[in-house]
C-alpha cells in the first residue's frame, strides 16, 4: 500500500522525515531548555533580542555580518520560506531535485513552482544555462519568476556546490532580477571541512540574497523547531524584512520560549556543545561514507556525500532486478526499500525528481541503532562502524542491494 494512501496525506501535507542525527539530546542543551520551562512570557514574533543577537553572532563568525534589524526567527525554516514566498510574490524556481519541503509552501499559496536542472557535479544549485532558459520560457508563457531557492550544502543530494558554479548561477539570477533564498541548514555539517570550500551566495550578492538556516541541521533536535533568517542590506531588504514579519505575525508564528532559550544558547556555539556538534558530524560522515561504498559496490549510482546525514542513490542500473519485485517507479521503490531495510527511504519524486527515475534518499541516522543507549555508544566509540548493531545495519543494506544486483545480472539477456 502506498504511504500517501495509508496516511491519507495529499502532496502538500506529506513529506519525508527530516534526516535528524538520531542521537540523544546533549545534557547541556536539555538543561537550558529545562531552566527556561518556567517562563510565562512568550517569545515575540520574529524572535526576541537575545535570540537575534545570538543569530547575528553566528553569522558574523561565518563572514556574514548582520544586525538584529536584519534578522528574523521563526518556529522552523518552513514558516520562514512560507513568509518569504508570500512577501515576494511571483513564481518560484527551485533546483531538481530539491529539499522536499520547498515546493509545497509555494503551491499552498497558489504560486507556480518550476524545477530547474542541476549541473552534473552537484545538486542544490541550478545549472546557470538551464536557469536562464527556464526563466525565458516561463516569461514567454506569461509567468512572473521572482524567487530562486537554492542550497549550497544540499538536501537531498548531500553535495556541496563548487564556488565557480555558484558564482555563474548567482550572476545569471542577478541578470534576471531574481531574489535568492539560500537554505544554509546543512552548511555546518561538512564531512571534510578543511578540504571543502563552501561559500554563501550572500557573500557574492549581498543585496539580493536572504539566508535561511534551520537549527535542526546541526544545533537543535528536529523536534525543537527553530530557524533564523538574515536579510540583505538596503531599502529592498528592509521592505522584505517588514513584509515577512507581517506574515509571521498573521500566522502567530512564534518560537516557544524554552526552545528560543535553547536556540540562543546553541547559536552561541559554546563548549562543550561545539565539540558535540563536531563529533556528530564526524560520526555521520563515517556512516555516509560506509553506506556510499556499499551502494556503489552493488552497482548503483550515488554522488559521494559531502555534507549532512544522508545520501542520494540512483538504482537505475538495477532496474531489471527491481522489476522482478514489481518495482518500476520511485514510489514503488520507496515502499520496497522501506520494507526491506526497515528504515525510511523516500523516493526521488518527493524531492521533485521524475517519478520514473529509481532514486531514493537514504539517511544515516537509522544506522545508529534502535535505542538511545546504542546511539550514544556510537558517538562515544572510536570505531563506530565496528559496533555490532551498526555492522548489522550496514550488512542488511549490503544484502538488500547485492540481492538486487544479482537479480539484475540473472535477468540480463545472454550475449
Foldseek 3Di string as FASTA:
>chain_A
DFPCVVVVDDLLPDFDDDQFLLADDPPVLVVLLVVQPPDPDWADFFGDPLLLVLLQVLVVVVVRHADSLQKGKFQAVLLLLLLLCVLFDFAEEEEQQAHLNNPSSCVVVVHHYHYAYPDPQDTFAHQLVSVLVVVVVCVVVPGGAAEYEGEQCGPPALHGDDPVRVLSNLVSCVVVNHAYEYEHQWVLLFQCVVVDDHDDVCVVPQQRYKYKYWCSNQQDPPVQGMIMIGFGDDDVRSSSSVSSSVSSVVVVRGRGRSSSSSSSVRSNCDPPSVVLSVLSSNLLLVLQQLLVVLLVVLPWDWNRRGTGFKHKIFPVVLQQLVVVVVDFWQSSLQVVCCVQLVHGWHGSVSRVHDRRTNMTMGGRSPLQDDDNVSNVCLSVDPCNCPDVSNVVSSVSSNVVSNSSSVSSVVPDDDD
